[in-house]
Amino acid sequence: MLNNDVCTTGVDFVGITPPQSDLKSFRRMLSEWKKNHPHQPLVVLGYGKEVDQNNRNGYSDPMSQEAQARFFIHTMLQ
């Protein structure tokens, strides 16, 4: 998603994984991308935060599935 990426013209589409911590910056980068590359598809490859698959220790454990759920709720409601 770098503004001066020389590889973007040589591919059919671009795949990205958004940063976990800065959704507002990611939204700005997407807007800029659409403006500069209106006909090149962009695919979001992954979204969320890292968790331990079997961790059900509640919201206070940052590696739990509950923390992942809270992340989605918080992010989607912003």
PDB file of N, CA and C in Angstrom:
ATOM      1  N   MET A   1       0.815  -1.195   0.000  1.00  0.00           N
ATOM      2  CA  MET A   1       0.000   0.000   0.000  1.00  0.00           C
ATOM      3  C   MET A   1       0.858   1.259   0.000  1.00  0.00           C
ATOM      4  N   LEU A   2       2.101   1.113  -0.357  1.00  0.00           N
ATOM      5  CA  LEU A   2       2.939   2.300  -0.424  1.00  0.00           C
ATOM      6  C   LEU A   2       2.566   3.122  -1.640  1.00  0.00           C
ATOM      7  N   ASN A   3       2.571   4.432  -1.485  1.00  0.00           N
ATOM      8  CA  ASN A   3       2.185   5.315  -2.579  1.00  0.00           C
ATOM      9  C   ASN A   3       3.100   5.182  -3.784  1.00  0.00           C
ATOM     10  N   ASN A   4       4.354   4.870  -3.566  1.00  0.00           N
ATOM     11  CA  ASN A   4       5.322   4.804  -4.657  1.00  0.00           C
ATOM     12  C   ASN A   4       5.697   3.373  -5.023  1.00  0.00           C
ATOM     13  N   ASP A   5       4.844   2.429  -4.780  1.00  0.00           N
ATOM     14  CA  ASP A   5       5.119   1.024  -5.072  1.00  0.00           C
ATOM     15  C   ASP A   5       5.177   0.823  -6.579  1.00  0.00           C
ATOM     16  N   VAL A   6       6.335   0.420  -7.097  1.00  0.00           N
ATOM     17  CA  VAL A   6       6.520   0.261  -8.542  1.00  0.00           C
ATOM     18  C   VAL A   6       5.932  -1.042  -9.064  1.00  0.00           C
ATOM     19  N   CYS A   7       5.525  -1.950  -8.196  1.00  0.00           N
ATOM     20  CA  CYS A   7       5.013  -3.253  -8.626  1.00  0.00           C
ATOM     21  C   CYS A   7       3.527  -3.248  -8.942  1.00  0.00           C
ATOM     22  N   THR A   8       2.793  -2.242  -8.533  1.00  0.00           N
ATOM     23  CA  THR A   8       1.339  -2.271  -8.682  1.00  0.00           C
ATOM     24  C   THR A   8       0.879  -2.285 -10.126  1.00  0.00           C
ATOM     25  N   THR A   9       1.661  -1.740 -11.021  1.00  0.00           N
ATOM     26  CA  THR A   9       1.247  -1.731 -12.426  1.00  0.00           C
ATOM     27  C   THR A   9       1.493  -3.067 -13.105  1.00  0.00           C
ATOM     28  N   GLY A  10       2.249  -3.958 -12.488  1.00  0.00           N
ATOM     29  CA  GLY A  10       2.577  -5.232 -13.102  1.00  0.00           C
ATOM     30  C   GLY A  10       1.742  -6.402 -12.622  1.00  0.00           C
ATOM     31  N   VAL A  11       0.698  -6.139 -11.859  1.00  0.00           N
ATOM     32  CA  VAL A  11      -0.129  -7.221 -11.321  1.00  0.00           C
ATOM     33  C   VAL A  11      -1.599  -6.973 -11.646  1.00  0.00           C
ATOM     34  N   ASP A  12      -2.392  -8.055 -11.628  1.00  0.00           N
ATOM     35  CA  ASP A  12      -3.818  -7.945 -11.931  1.00  0.00           C
ATOM     36  C   ASP A  12      -4.631  -7.401 -10.763  1.00  0.00           C
ATOM     37  N   PHE A  13      -4.219  -7.705  -9.538  1.00  0.00           N
ATOM     38  CA  PHE A  13      -4.891  -7.204  -8.349  1.00  0.00           C
ATOM     39  C   PHE A  13      -3.886  -7.129  -7.219  1.00  0.00           C
ATOM     40  N   VAL A  14      -4.251  -6.455  -6.173  1.00  0.00           N
ATOM     41  CA  VAL A  14      -3.379  -6.289  -5.024  1.00  0.00           C
ATOM     42  C   VAL A  14      -4.068  -6.887  -3.811  1.00  0.00           C
ATOM     43  N   GLY A  15      -3.320  -7.645  -3.006  1.00  0.00           N
ATOM     44  CA  GLY A  15      -3.838  -8.213  -1.769  1.00  0.00           C
ATOM     45  C   GLY A  15      -3.166  -7.561  -0.584  1.00  0.00           C
ATOM     46  N   ILE A  16      -3.952  -7.207   0.415  1.00  0.00           N
ATOM     47  CA  ILE A  16      -3.404  -6.556   1.602  1.00  0.00           C
ATOM     48  C   ILE A  16      -4.002  -7.174   2.866  1.00  0.00           C
ATOM     49  N   THR A  17      -3.286  -6.992   3.957  1.00  0.00           N
ATOM     50  CA  THR A  17      -3.785  -7.335   5.281  1.00  0.00           C
ATOM     51  C   THR A  17      -3.745  -6.054   6.092  1.00  0.00           C
ATOM     52  N   PRO A  18      -4.893  -5.551   6.520  1.00  0.00           N
ATOM     53  CA  PRO A  18      -4.909  -4.273   7.239  1.00  0.00           C
ATOM     54  C   PRO A  18      -4.233  -4.372   8.593  1.00  0.00           C
ATOM     55  N   PRO A  19      -3.650  -3.262   9.048  1.00  0.00           N
ATOM     56  CA  PRO A  19      -3.050  -3.260  10.386  1.00  0.00           C
ATOM     57  C   PRO A  19      -4.129  -3.374  11.454  1.00  0.00           C
ATOM     58  N   GLN A  20      -3.803  -4.036  12.553  1.00  0.00           N
ATOM     59  CA  GLN A  20      -4.772  -4.217  13.628  1.00  0.00           C
ATOM     60  C   GLN A  20      -5.053  -2.925  14.370  1.00  0.00           C
ATOM     61  N   SER A  21      -4.047  -2.107  14.524  1.00  0.00           N
ATOM     62  CA  SER A  21      -4.139  -1.013  15.477  1.00  0.00           C
ATOM     63  C   SER A  21      -4.633   0.313  14.910  1.00  0.00           C
ATOM     64  N   ASP A  22      -4.565   0.508  13.618  1.00  0.00           N
ATOM     65  CA  ASP A  22      -4.858   1.838  13.086  1.00  0.00           C
ATOM     66  C   ASP A  22      -5.847   1.765  11.933  1.00  0.00           C
ATOM     67  N   LEU A  23      -7.104   1.566  12.268  1.00  0.00           N
ATOM     68  CA  LEU A  23      -8.135   1.421  11.249  1.00  0.00           C
ATOM     69  C   LEU A  23      -8.373   2.717  10.481  1.00  0.00           C
ATOM     70  N   LYS A  24      -8.282   3.853  11.143  1.00  0.00           N
ATOM     71  CA  LYS A  24      -8.490   5.134  10.464  1.00  0.00           C
ATOM     72  C   LYS A  24      -7.434   5.363   9.390  1.00  0.00           C
ATOM     73  N   SER A  25      -6.194   5.053   9.698  1.00  0.00           N
ATOM     74  CA  SER A  25      -5.124   5.174   8.714  1.00  0.00           C
ATOM     75  C   SER A  25      -5.354   4.223   7.550  1.00  0.00           C
ATOM     76  N   PHE A  26      -5.824   3.016   7.845  1.00  0.00           N
ATOM     77  CA  PHE A  26      -6.115   2.044   6.797  1.00  0.00           C
ATOM     78  C   PHE A  26      -7.218   2.552   5.872  1.00  0.00           C
ATOM     79  N   ARG A  27      -8.254   3.156   6.440  1.00  0.00           N
ATOM     80  CA  ARG A  27      -9.339   3.712   5.626  1.00  0.00           C
ATOM     81  C   ARG A  27      -8.822   4.823   4.712  1.00  0.00           C
ATOM     82  N   ARG A  28      -7.929   5.662   5.222  1.00  0.00           N
ATOM     83  CA  ARG A  28      -7.337   6.716   4.390  1.00  0.00           C
ATOM     84  C   ARG A  28      -6.517   6.115   3.255  1.00  0.00           C
ATOM     85  N   MET A  29      -5.744   5.070   3.560  1.00  0.00           N
ATOM     86  CA  MET A  29      -4.946   4.412   2.523  1.00  0.00           C
ATOM     87  C   MET A  29      -5.847   3.809   1.453  1.00  0.00           C
ATOM     88  N   LEU A  30      -6.970   3.212   1.848  1.00  0.00           N
ATOM     89  CA  LEU A  30      -7.905   2.649   0.870  1.00  0.00           C
ATOM     90  C   LEU A  30      -8.486   3.730  -0.040  1.00  0.00           C
ATOM     91  N   SER A  31      -8.851   4.853   0.534  1.00  0.00           N
ATOM     92  CA  SER A  31      -9.389   5.956  -0.276  1.00  0.00           C
ATOM     93  C   SER A  31      -8.360   6.451  -1.273  1.00  0.00           C
ATOM     94  N   GLU A  32      -7.144   6.579  -0.822  1.00  0.00           N
ATOM     95  CA  GLU A  32      -6.060   7.020  -1.705  1.00  0.00           C
ATOM     96  C   GLU A  32      -5.818   6.001  -2.813  1.00  0.00           C
ATOM     97  N   TRP A  33      -5.868   4.724  -2.444  1.00  0.00           N
ATOM     98  CA  TRP A  33      -5.679   3.660  -3.431  1.00  0.00           C
ATOM     99  C   TRP A  33      -6.750   3.738  -4.514  1.00  0.00           C
ATOM    100  N   LYS A  34      -8.003   3.869  -4.111  1.00  0.00           N
ATOM    101  CA  LYS A  34      -9.110   3.926  -5.067  1.00  0.00           C
ATOM    102  C   LYS A  34      -8.959   5.114  -6.011  1.00  0.00           C
ATOM    103  N   LYS A  35      -8.498   6.221  -5.464  1.00  0.00           N
ATOM    104  CA  LYS A  35      -8.316   7.423  -6.281  1.00  0.00           C
ATOM    105  C   LYS A  35      -7.194   7.224  -7.307  1.00  0.00           C
ATOM    106  N   ASN A  36      -6.089   6.629  -6.883  1.00  0.00           N
ATOM    107  CA  ASN A  36      -4.924   6.469  -7.758  1.00  0.00           C
ATOM    108  C   ASN A  36      -4.988   5.252  -8.672  1.00  0.00           C
ATOM    109  N   HIS A  37      -5.787   4.249  -8.321  1.00  0.00           N
ATOM    110  CA  HIS A  37      -5.876   2.994  -9.090  1.00  0.00           C
ATOM    111  C   HIS A  37      -7.345   2.598  -9.241  1.00  0.00           C
ATOM    112  N   PRO A  38      -8.148   3.395  -9.926  1.00  0.00           N
ATOM    113  CA  PRO A  38      -9.597   3.157  -9.942  1.00  0.00           C
ATOM    114  C   PRO A  38     -10.025   1.848 -10.598  1.00  0.00           C
ATOM    115  N   HIS A  39      -9.186   1.249 -11.443  1.00  0.00           N
ATOM    116  CA  HIS A  39      -9.589   0.032 -12.159  1.00  0.00           C
ATOM    117  C   HIS A  39      -8.833  -1.207 -11.700  1.00  0.00           C
ATOM    118  N   GLN A  40      -8.039  -1.093 -10.654  1.00  0.00           N
ATOM    119  CA  GLN A  40      -7.277  -2.241 -10.167  1.00  0.00           C
ATOM    120  C   GLN A  40      -7.913  -2.779  -8.883  1.00  0.00           C
ATOM    121  N   PRO A  41      -8.373  -4.026  -8.914  1.00  0.00           N
ATOM    122  CA  PRO A  41      -9.008  -4.600  -7.721  1.00  0.00           C
ATOM    123  C   PRO A  41      -8.039  -4.722  -6.549  1.00  0.00           C
ATOM    124  N   LEU A  42      -8.586  -4.581  -5.376  1.00  0.00           N
ATOM    125  CA  LEU A  42      -7.840  -4.727  -4.139  1.00  0.00           C
ATOM    126  C   LEU A  42      -8.583  -5.735  -3.273  1.00  0.00           C
ATOM    127  N   VAL A  43      -7.880  -6.736  -2.775  1.00  0.00           N
ATOM    128  CA  VAL A  43      -8.484  -7.802  -1.980  1.00  0.00           C
ATOM    129  C   VAL A  43      -7.924  -7.742  -0.561  1.00  0.00           C
ATOM    130  N   VAL A  44      -8.816  -7.730   0.426  1.00  0.00           N
ATOM    131  CA  VAL A  44      -8.390  -7.802   1.815  1.00  0.00           C
ATOM    132  C   VAL A  44      -8.189  -9.275   2.142  1.00  0.00           C
ATOM    133  N   LEU A  45      -6.945  -9.646   2.435  1.00  0.00           N
ATOM    134  CA  LEU A  45      -6.589 -11.054   2.635  1.00  0.00           C
ATOM    135  C   LEU A  45      -6.920 -11.572   4.025  1.00  0.00           C
ATOM    136  N   GLY A  46      -6.822 -10.742   4.989  1.00  0.00           N
ATOM    137  CA  GLY A  46      -7.086 -11.165   6.350  1.00  0.00           C
ATOM    138  C   GLY A  46      -7.481  -9.977   7.184  1.00  0.00           C
ATOM    139  N   TYR A  47      -8.222 -10.231   8.226  1.00  0.00           N
ATOM    140  CA  TYR A  47      -8.646  -9.141   9.081  1.00  0.00           C
ATOM    141  C   TYR A  47      -8.879  -9.684  10.471  1.00  0.00           C
ATOM    142  N   GLY A  48      -8.436  -8.972  11.459  1.00  0.00           N
ATOM    143  CA  GLY A  48      -8.625  -9.408  12.829  1.00  0.00           C
ATOM    144  C   GLY A  48      -7.352  -9.276  13.624  1.00  0.00           C
ATOM    145  N   LYS A  49      -7.249 -10.055  14.651  1.00  0.00           N
ATOM    146  CA  LYS A  49      -6.065 -10.060  15.486  1.00  0.00           C
ATOM    147  C   LYS A  49      -5.680 -11.497  15.778  1.00  0.00           C
ATOM    148  N   GLU A  50      -4.450 -11.689  16.118  1.00  0.00           N
ATOM    149  CA  GLU A  50      -3.953 -13.034  16.391  1.00  0.00           C
ATOM    150  C   GLU A  50      -4.524 -13.550  17.708  1.00  0.00           C
ATOM    151  N   VAL A  51      -4.973 -14.803  17.689  1.00  0.00           N
ATOM    152  CA  VAL A  51      -5.488 -15.446  18.905  1.00  0.00           C
ATOM    153  C   VAL A  51      -5.026 -16.900  18.937  1.00  0.00           C
ATOM    154  N   ASP A  52      -5.117 -17.482  20.109  1.00  0.00           N
ATOM    155  CA  ASP A  52      -4.902 -18.918  20.249  1.00  0.00           C
ATOM    156  C   ASP A  52      -6.243 -19.596  19.999  1.00  0.00           C
ATOM    157  N   GLN A  53      -6.269 -20.530  19.081  1.00  0.00           N
ATOM    158  CA  GLN A  53      -7.516 -21.130  18.614  1.00  0.00           C
ATOM    159  C   GLN A  53      -8.405 -21.677  19.730  1.00  0.00           C
ATOM    160  N   ASN A  54      -7.836 -22.327  20.710  1.00  0.00           N
ATOM    161  CA  ASN A  54      -8.642 -22.952  21.769  1.00  0.00           C
ATOM    162  C   ASN A  54      -8.694 -22.120  23.047  1.00  0.00           C
ATOM    163  N   ASN A  55      -8.282 -20.872  22.975  1.00  0.00           N
ATOM    164  CA  ASN A  55      -8.236 -20.018  24.151  1.00  0.00           C
ATOM    165  C   ASN A  55      -9.600 -19.374  24.370  1.00  0.00           C
ATOM    166  N   ARG A  56     -10.276 -19.761  25.436  1.00  0.00           N
ATOM    167  CA  ARG A  56     -11.584 -19.204  25.807  1.00  0.00           C
ATOM    168  C   ARG A  56     -11.491 -18.591  27.206  1.00  0.00           C
ATOM    169  N   ASN A  57     -10.402 -17.842  27.465  1.00  0.00           N
ATOM    170  CA  ASN A  57     -10.146 -17.299  28.793  1.00  0.00           C
ATOM    171  C   ASN A  57     -10.805 -15.945  29.052  1.00  0.00           C
ATOM    172  N   GLY A  58     -11.642 -15.465  28.169  1.00  0.00           N
ATOM    173  CA  GLY A  58     -12.347 -14.206  28.407  1.00  0.00           C
ATOM    174  C   GLY A  58     -11.667 -12.997  27.781  1.00  0.00           C
ATOM    175  N   TYR A  59     -12.369 -11.872  27.853  1.00  0.00           N
ATOM    176  CA  TYR A  59     -11.925 -10.637  27.206  1.00  0.00           C
ATOM    177  C   TYR A  59     -10.578 -10.124  27.683  1.00  0.00           C
ATOM    178  N   SER A  60     -10.245 -10.355  28.935  1.00  0.00           N
ATOM    179  CA  SER A  60      -9.015  -9.801  29.498  1.00  0.00           C
ATOM    180  C   SER A  60      -7.762 -10.470  28.955  1.00  0.00           C
ATOM    181  N   ASP A  61      -7.892 -11.638  28.370  1.00  0.00           N
ATOM    182  CA  ASP A  61      -6.747 -12.330  27.763  1.00  0.00           C
ATOM    183  C   ASP A  61      -6.659 -11.907  26.297  1.00  0.00           C
ATOM    184  N   PRO A  62      -5.639 -11.146  25.911  1.00  0.00           N
ATOM    185  CA  PRO A  62      -5.559 -10.633  24.538  1.00  0.00           C
ATOM    186  C   PRO A  62      -5.441 -11.717  23.464  1.00  0.00           C
ATOM    187  N   MET A  63      -5.122 -12.938  23.853  1.00  0.00           N
ATOM    188  CA  MET A  63      -4.997 -14.019  22.885  1.00  0.00           C
ATOM    189  C   MET A  63      -6.238 -14.919  22.846  1.00  0.00           C
ATOM    190  N   SER A  64      -7.321 -14.502  23.493  1.00  0.00           N
ATOM    191  CA  SER A  64      -8.521 -15.333  23.558  1.00  0.00           C
ATOM    192  C   SER A  64      -9.460 -15.043  22.391  1.00  0.00           C
ATOM    193  N   GLN A  65     -10.370 -15.973  22.146  1.00  0.00           N
ATOM    194  CA  GLN A  65     -11.392 -15.773  21.123  1.00  0.00           C
ATOM    195  C   GLN A  65     -12.336 -14.639  21.520  1.00  0.00           C
ATOM    196  N   GLU A  66     -12.556 -14.463  22.801  1.00  0.00           N
ATOM    197  CA  GLU A  66     -13.406 -13.357  23.256  1.00  0.00           C
ATOM    198  C   GLU A  66     -12.764 -12.008  22.944  1.00  0.00           C
ATOM    199  N   ALA A  67     -11.441 -11.928  23.081  1.00  0.00           N
ATOM    200  CA  ALA A  67     -10.736 -10.686  22.733  1.00  0.00           C
ATOM    201  C   ALA A  67     -10.859 -10.417  21.237  1.00  0.00           C
ATOM    202  N   GLN A  68     -10.830 -11.465  20.427  1.00  0.00           N
ATOM    203  CA  GLN A  68     -11.033 -11.318  18.981  1.00  0.00           C
ATOM    204  C   GLN A  68     -12.447 -10.788  18.709  1.00  0.00           C
ATOM    205  N   ALA A  69     -13.441 -11.333  19.380  1.00  0.00           N
ATOM    206  CA  ALA A  69     -14.819 -10.878  19.198  1.00  0.00           C
ATOM    207  C   ALA A  69     -14.959  -9.422  19.603  1.00  0.00           C
ATOM    208  N   ARG A  70     -14.357  -9.053  20.715  1.00  0.00           N
ATOM    209  CA  ARG A  70     -14.411  -7.655  21.151  1.00  0.00           C
ATOM    210  C   ARG A  70     -13.732  -6.747  20.129  1.00  0.00           C
ATOM    211  N   PHE A  71     -12.621  -7.199  19.569  1.00  0.00           N
ATOM    212  CA  PHE A  71     -11.920  -6.425  18.538  1.00  0.00           C
ATOM    213  C   PHE A  71     -12.850  -6.156  17.349  1.00  0.00           C
ATOM    214  N   PHE A  72     -13.539  -7.192  16.879  1.00  0.00           N
ATOM    215  CA  PHE A  72     -14.458  -7.015  15.747  1.00  0.00           C
ATOM    216  C   PHE A  72     -15.593  -6.051  16.087  1.00  0.00           C
ATOM    217  N   ILE A  73     -16.195  -6.226  17.247  1.00  0.00           N
ATOM    218  CA  ILE A  73     -17.299  -5.353  17.659  1.00  0.00           C
ATOM    219  C   ILE A  73     -16.837  -3.902  17.741  1.00  0.00           C
ATOM    220  N   HIS A  74     -15.702  -3.692  18.399  1.00  0.00           N
ATOM    221  CA  HIS A  74     -15.177  -2.341  18.557  1.00  0.00           C
ATOM    222  C   HIS A  74     -14.833  -1.718  17.202  1.00  0.00           C
ATOM    223  N   THR A  75     -14.235  -2.497  16.325  1.00  0.00           N
ATOM    224  CA  THR A  75     -13.811  -1.986  15.029  1.00  0.00           C
ATOM    225  C   THR A  75     -15.000  -1.685  14.127  1.00  0.00           C
ATOM    226  N   MET A  76     -15.979  -2.552  14.101  1.00  0.00           N
ATOM    227  CA  MET A  76     -17.125  -2.365  13.224  1.00  0.00           C
ATOM    228  C   MET A  76     -18.036  -1.223  13.661  1.00  0.00           C
ATOM    229  N   LEU A  77     -18.020  -0.886  14.935  1.00  0.00           N
ATOM    230  CA  LEU A  77     -18.884   0.172  15.434  1.00  0.00           C
ATOM    231  C   LEU A  77     -18.221   1.547  15.432  1.00  0.00           C
ATOM    232  N   GLN A  78     -16.983   1.622  14.999  1.00  0.00           N
ATOM    233  CA  GLN A  78     -16.292   2.912  14.940  1.00  0.00           C
ATOM    234  C   GLN A  78     -16.772   3.729  13.783  1.00  0.00           C
TER     235      GLN A  78
END
